[in-house]
Amino acid sequence: MCLGVPGKVLTISDDGLSAQVDFFGVTKELRLDIVDVPVVVGDYVLNHVGFAIRRIPPEEVGETLALFDQILKEDAGGDLMAEDVRGEMAAGKPVTPSGSGRG
């Protein structure tokens, strides 16, 4: 199964090709090369293997986050969808405390 995980854009690189994104408290660097429309800080995007693939329209953010929050909270271990969500959250480069994105 392929699953995109929602995250909030915290910063965008000067060249506009990557962003630091928060996924339920986990900050990762994502590529912005293939996202469907331009994003700005504060937007929510779907992550798939380290790439932002879609900007979530503002009117869909609340419902989307609630669904993923429910998936992660109800996981008692072995749930394939929750494992997929955690795998997607792990994709992309971890952001180091200095914010360089290297690590």
N, C-alpha and C. Protein backbone atom coordinates (compact mmCIF):
# COMPACT_ATOMS: atom_id res chain seq x y z
N MET A 1 0.85 -1.17 0.00
CA MET A 1 0.00 0.00 0.00
C MET A 1 0.89 1.23 0.00
N CYS A 2 0.51 2.23 -0.73
CA CYS A 2 1.21 3.51 -0.72
C CYS A 2 0.36 4.50 0.06
N LEU A 3 1.00 5.18 0.98
CA LEU A 3 0.26 6.08 1.84
C LEU A 3 1.05 7.36 2.01
N GLY A 4 0.40 8.50 1.80
CA GLY A 4 1.02 9.79 2.07
C GLY A 4 0.68 10.21 3.48
N VAL A 5 1.62 10.81 4.17
CA VAL A 5 1.41 11.25 5.55
C VAL A 5 1.42 12.77 5.60
N PRO A 6 0.43 13.39 6.27
CA PRO A 6 0.36 14.84 6.32
C PRO A 6 1.38 15.44 7.28
N GLY A 7 1.92 16.58 6.88
CA GLY A 7 2.84 17.32 7.73
C GLY A 7 2.75 18.81 7.45
N LYS A 8 3.14 19.60 8.45
CA LYS A 8 3.08 21.06 8.34
C LYS A 8 4.43 21.62 7.93
N VAL A 9 4.45 22.44 6.90
CA VAL A 9 5.68 23.07 6.41
C VAL A 9 6.13 24.12 7.43
N LEU A 10 7.35 23.93 7.94
CA LEU A 10 7.91 24.86 8.92
C LEU A 10 8.80 25.91 8.27
N THR A 11 9.65 25.47 7.35
CA THR A 11 10.54 26.37 6.62
C THR A 11 10.71 25.83 5.21
N ILE A 12 11.07 26.73 4.31
CA ILE A 12 11.37 26.35 2.92
C ILE A 12 12.76 26.86 2.61
N SER A 13 13.55 26.02 1.94
CA SER A 13 14.92 26.40 1.60
C SER A 13 14.92 27.61 0.67
N ASP A 14 16.05 28.31 0.63
CA ASP A 14 16.18 29.49 -0.23
C ASP A 14 15.93 29.17 -1.70
N ASP A 15 16.32 27.97 -2.14
CA ASP A 15 16.12 27.61 -3.54
C ASP A 15 14.71 27.06 -3.81
N GLY A 16 13.92 26.87 -2.75
CA GLY A 16 12.55 26.40 -2.90
C GLY A 16 12.40 24.93 -3.23
N LEU A 17 13.50 24.17 -3.16
CA LEU A 17 13.45 22.77 -3.54
C LEU A 17 13.23 21.81 -2.38
N SER A 18 13.34 22.30 -1.16
CA SER A 18 13.13 21.45 0.00
C SER A 18 12.49 22.25 1.13
N ALA A 19 11.94 21.50 2.09
CA ALA A 19 11.28 22.14 3.22
C ALA A 19 11.48 21.29 4.46
N GLN A 20 11.49 21.94 5.60
CA GLN A 20 11.44 21.23 6.87
C GLN A 20 9.96 21.12 7.22
N VAL A 21 9.53 19.89 7.52
CA VAL A 21 8.12 19.61 7.72
C VAL A 21 7.94 18.83 9.02
N ASP A 22 6.93 19.22 9.80
CA ASP A 22 6.62 18.57 11.07
C ASP A 22 5.53 17.52 10.86
N PHE A 23 5.85 16.28 11.26
CA PHE A 23 4.90 15.17 11.20
C PHE A 23 4.63 14.69 12.61
N PHE A 24 3.60 15.20 13.23
CA PHE A 24 3.20 14.77 14.56
C PHE A 24 4.38 14.81 15.53
N GLY A 25 5.16 15.88 15.46
CA GLY A 25 6.29 16.07 16.36
C GLY A 25 7.63 15.59 15.81
N VAL A 26 7.64 14.96 14.65
CA VAL A 26 8.88 14.51 14.01
C VAL A 26 9.16 15.46 12.86
N THR A 27 10.34 16.11 12.88
CA THR A 27 10.68 17.05 11.83
C THR A 27 11.61 16.38 10.82
N LYS A 28 11.23 16.48 9.54
CA LYS A 28 12.00 15.89 8.44
C LYS A 28 12.15 16.91 7.33
N GLU A 29 13.18 16.71 6.53
CA GLU A 29 13.36 17.52 5.34
C GLU A 29 12.76 16.77 4.16
N LEU A 30 11.89 17.43 3.41
CA LEU A 30 11.26 16.84 2.23
C LEU A 30 11.65 17.61 0.99
N ARG A 31 11.64 16.93 -0.13
CA ARG A 31 11.82 17.57 -1.43
C ARG A 31 10.48 18.13 -1.88
N LEU A 32 10.53 19.25 -2.59
CA LEU A 32 9.31 19.89 -3.09
C LEU A 32 9.20 19.83 -4.60
N ASP A 33 10.06 19.05 -5.24
CA ASP A 33 10.12 18.98 -6.70
C ASP A 33 8.81 18.58 -7.38
N ILE A 34 8.06 17.69 -6.78
CA ILE A 34 6.90 17.13 -7.48
C ILE A 34 5.56 17.49 -6.87
N VAL A 35 5.55 18.35 -5.86
CA VAL A 35 4.28 18.73 -5.25
C VAL A 35 3.39 19.39 -6.30
N ASP A 36 2.09 19.20 -6.17
CA ASP A 36 1.16 19.61 -7.22
C ASP A 36 1.01 21.12 -7.40
N VAL A 37 1.21 21.90 -6.35
CA VAL A 37 1.12 23.36 -6.42
C VAL A 37 2.17 23.95 -5.50
N PRO A 38 2.54 25.21 -5.68
CA PRO A 38 3.50 25.82 -4.78
C PRO A 38 2.99 25.81 -3.33
N VAL A 39 3.92 25.63 -2.39
CA VAL A 39 3.57 25.64 -0.97
C VAL A 39 4.29 26.78 -0.27
N VAL A 40 3.71 27.21 0.84
CA VAL A 40 4.31 28.25 1.67
C VAL A 40 4.37 27.73 3.10
N VAL A 41 5.17 28.39 3.92
CA VAL A 41 5.26 28.03 5.33
C VAL A 41 3.86 28.07 5.92
N GLY A 42 3.52 27.03 6.67
CA GLY A 42 2.20 26.92 7.28
C GLY A 42 1.26 26.01 6.53
N ASP A 43 1.56 25.72 5.25
CA ASP A 43 0.75 24.78 4.49
C ASP A 43 0.98 23.36 5.02
N TYR A 44 0.03 22.50 4.74
CA TYR A 44 0.18 21.07 5.02
C TYR A 44 0.36 20.35 3.70
N VAL A 45 1.27 19.37 3.69
CA VAL A 45 1.55 18.58 2.50
C VAL A 45 1.50 17.10 2.85
N LEU A 46 1.35 16.28 1.82
CA LEU A 46 1.44 14.83 1.99
C LEU A 46 2.84 14.39 1.61
N ASN A 47 3.46 13.61 2.49
CA ASN A 47 4.80 13.07 2.28
C ASN A 47 4.68 11.65 1.75
N HIS A 48 5.45 11.37 0.71
CA HIS A 48 5.59 9.99 0.24
C HIS A 48 7.06 9.78 -0.06
N VAL A 49 7.70 8.91 0.69
CA VAL A 49 9.12 8.57 0.60
C VAL A 49 10.04 9.79 0.45
N GLY A 50 9.81 10.80 1.27
CA GLY A 50 10.70 11.95 1.28
C GLY A 50 10.36 13.07 0.32
N PHE A 51 9.24 12.94 -0.38
CA PHE A 51 8.79 13.98 -1.32
C PHE A 51 7.41 14.47 -0.91
N ALA A 52 7.21 15.77 -0.98
CA ALA A 52 5.87 16.33 -0.84
C ALA A 52 5.17 16.07 -2.17
N ILE A 53 4.05 15.34 -2.13
CA ILE A 53 3.38 14.98 -3.37
C ILE A 53 2.09 15.77 -3.60
N ARG A 54 1.60 16.41 -2.54
CA ARG A 54 0.34 17.15 -2.68
C ARG A 54 0.22 18.15 -1.53
N ARG A 55 -0.25 19.34 -1.86
CA ARG A 55 -0.60 20.30 -0.80
C ARG A 55 -2.03 19.99 -0.39
N ILE A 56 -2.26 19.88 0.92
CA ILE A 56 -3.60 19.60 1.41
C ILE A 56 -4.37 20.92 1.46
N PRO A 57 -5.52 20.99 0.80
CA PRO A 57 -6.30 22.22 0.86
C PRO A 57 -6.66 22.55 2.31
N PRO A 58 -6.61 23.83 2.67
CA PRO A 58 -6.85 24.23 4.07
C PRO A 58 -8.15 23.67 4.65
N GLU A 59 -9.19 23.56 3.84
CA GLU A 59 -10.47 23.07 4.35
C GLU A 59 -10.46 21.57 4.65
N GLU A 60 -9.41 20.85 4.22
CA GLU A 60 -9.30 19.41 4.47
C GLU A 60 -8.31 19.07 5.57
N VAL A 61 -7.54 20.04 6.04
CA VAL A 61 -6.45 19.77 6.99
C VAL A 61 -6.96 19.16 8.29
N GLY A 62 -7.97 19.76 8.91
CA GLY A 62 -8.46 19.28 10.20
C GLY A 62 -8.91 17.84 10.17
N GLU A 63 -9.71 17.49 9.19
CA GLU A 63 -10.21 16.12 9.07
C GLU A 63 -9.07 15.14 8.78
N THR A 64 -8.14 15.55 7.90
CA THR A 64 -7.02 14.69 7.56
C THR A 64 -6.15 14.40 8.78
N LEU A 65 -5.81 15.44 9.54
CA LEU A 65 -4.98 15.26 10.73
C LEU A 65 -5.68 14.40 11.77
N ALA A 66 -6.98 14.58 11.93
CA ALA A 66 -7.73 13.79 12.91
C ALA A 66 -7.71 12.31 12.54
N LEU A 67 -7.84 12.00 11.26
CA LEU A 67 -7.81 10.60 10.84
C LEU A 67 -6.45 9.95 11.11
N PHE A 68 -5.37 10.67 10.80
CA PHE A 68 -4.04 10.11 11.03
C PHE A 68 -3.73 10.02 12.52
N ASP A 69 -4.19 10.98 13.28
CA ASP A 69 -3.99 10.94 14.73
C ASP A 69 -4.68 9.71 15.30
N GLN A 70 -5.88 9.42 14.82
CA GLN A 70 -6.61 8.24 15.27
C GLN A 70 -5.86 6.96 14.91
N ILE A 71 -5.34 6.89 13.70
CA ILE A 71 -4.58 5.71 13.27
C ILE A 71 -3.39 5.48 14.19
N LEU A 72 -2.66 6.53 14.50
CA LEU A 72 -1.45 6.39 15.32
C LEU A 72 -1.78 6.08 16.78
N LYS A 73 -2.84 6.65 17.32
CA LYS A 73 -3.21 6.42 18.72
C LYS A 73 -3.79 5.03 18.95
N GLU A 74 -4.52 4.52 17.99
CA GLU A 74 -5.20 3.23 18.17
C GLU A 74 -4.32 2.03 17.83
N ASP A 75 -3.13 2.26 17.32
CA ASP A 75 -2.26 1.15 16.92
C ASP A 75 -1.79 0.38 18.15
N ALA A 76 -2.16 -0.88 18.22
CA ALA A 76 -1.73 -1.73 19.32
C ALA A 76 -0.57 -2.63 18.89
N GLY A 77 0.04 -2.31 17.78
CA GLY A 77 1.14 -3.12 17.26
C GLY A 77 0.64 -4.06 16.19
N GLY A 78 1.36 -4.12 15.09
CA GLY A 78 1.00 -5.02 14.02
C GLY A 78 0.00 -4.47 13.02
N ASP A 79 -0.53 -3.29 13.26
CA ASP A 79 -1.47 -2.68 12.32
C ASP A 79 -0.68 -2.21 11.11
N LEU A 80 -1.01 -2.76 9.94
CA LEU A 80 -0.24 -2.45 8.73
C LEU A 80 -0.35 -0.99 8.33
N MET A 81 -1.51 -0.36 8.49
CA MET A 81 -1.65 1.03 8.12
C MET A 81 -0.82 1.91 9.05
N ALA A 82 -0.85 1.65 10.34
CA ALA A 82 -0.05 2.43 11.29
C ALA A 82 1.44 2.24 11.01
N GLU A 83 1.85 1.02 10.66
CA GLU A 83 3.25 0.77 10.32
C GLU A 83 3.63 1.56 9.07
N ASP A 84 2.73 1.62 8.09
CA ASP A 84 2.97 2.38 6.86
C ASP A 84 3.13 3.87 7.19
N VAL A 85 2.26 4.38 8.05
CA VAL A 85 2.35 5.79 8.45
C VAL A 85 3.69 6.06 9.11
N ARG A 86 4.10 5.20 10.02
CA ARG A 86 5.39 5.40 10.70
C ARG A 86 6.56 5.30 9.71
N GLY A 87 6.46 4.42 8.73
CA GLY A 87 7.50 4.31 7.71
C GLY A 87 7.60 5.57 6.87
N GLU A 88 6.46 6.13 6.51
CA GLU A 88 6.46 7.38 5.75
C GLU A 88 7.02 8.53 6.58
N MET A 89 6.72 8.54 7.88
CA MET A 89 7.25 9.59 8.74
C MET A 89 8.77 9.49 8.83
N ALA A 90 9.29 8.28 8.70
CA ALA A 90 10.73 8.08 8.77
C ALA A 90 11.44 8.41 7.46
N ALA A 91 10.70 8.48 6.36
CA ALA A 91 11.29 8.79 5.05
C ALA A 91 11.70 10.25 5.00
N GLY A 92 12.71 10.53 4.22
CA GLY A 92 13.22 11.90 4.15
C GLY A 92 14.39 12.04 5.11
N LYS A 93 15.09 13.12 5.01
CA LYS A 93 16.26 13.33 5.86
C LYS A 93 15.83 13.93 7.18
N PRO A 94 16.36 13.37 8.31
CA PRO A 94 16.06 13.99 9.59
C PRO A 94 16.69 15.38 9.65
N VAL A 95 16.03 16.28 10.31
CA VAL A 95 16.56 17.63 10.46
C VAL A 95 17.39 17.68 11.72
N THR A 96 18.63 18.12 11.58
CA THR A 96 19.51 18.23 12.73
C THR A 96 19.18 19.49 13.52
N PRO A 97 19.61 19.56 14.78
CA PRO A 97 19.30 20.74 15.58
C PRO A 97 19.77 22.06 14.93
N SER A 98 20.83 22.00 14.14
CA SER A 98 21.32 23.22 13.50
C SER A 98 20.43 23.63 12.32
N GLY A 99 19.52 22.69 11.92
CA GLY A 99 18.62 22.98 10.81
C GLY A 99 19.23 22.74 9.45
N SER A 100 20.41 22.12 9.40
CA SER A 100 21.07 21.92 8.11
C SER A 100 20.43 20.82 7.27
N GLY A 101 19.66 19.93 7.94
CA GLY A 101 19.04 18.84 7.21
C GLY A 101 19.98 17.68 6.97
N ARG A 102 21.21 17.78 7.42
CA ARG A 102 22.17 16.70 7.25
C ARG A 102 22.14 15.83 8.48
N GLY A 103 22.21 14.51 8.26
CA GLY A 103 22.22 13.65 9.42
C GLY A 103 21.99 12.23 9.16
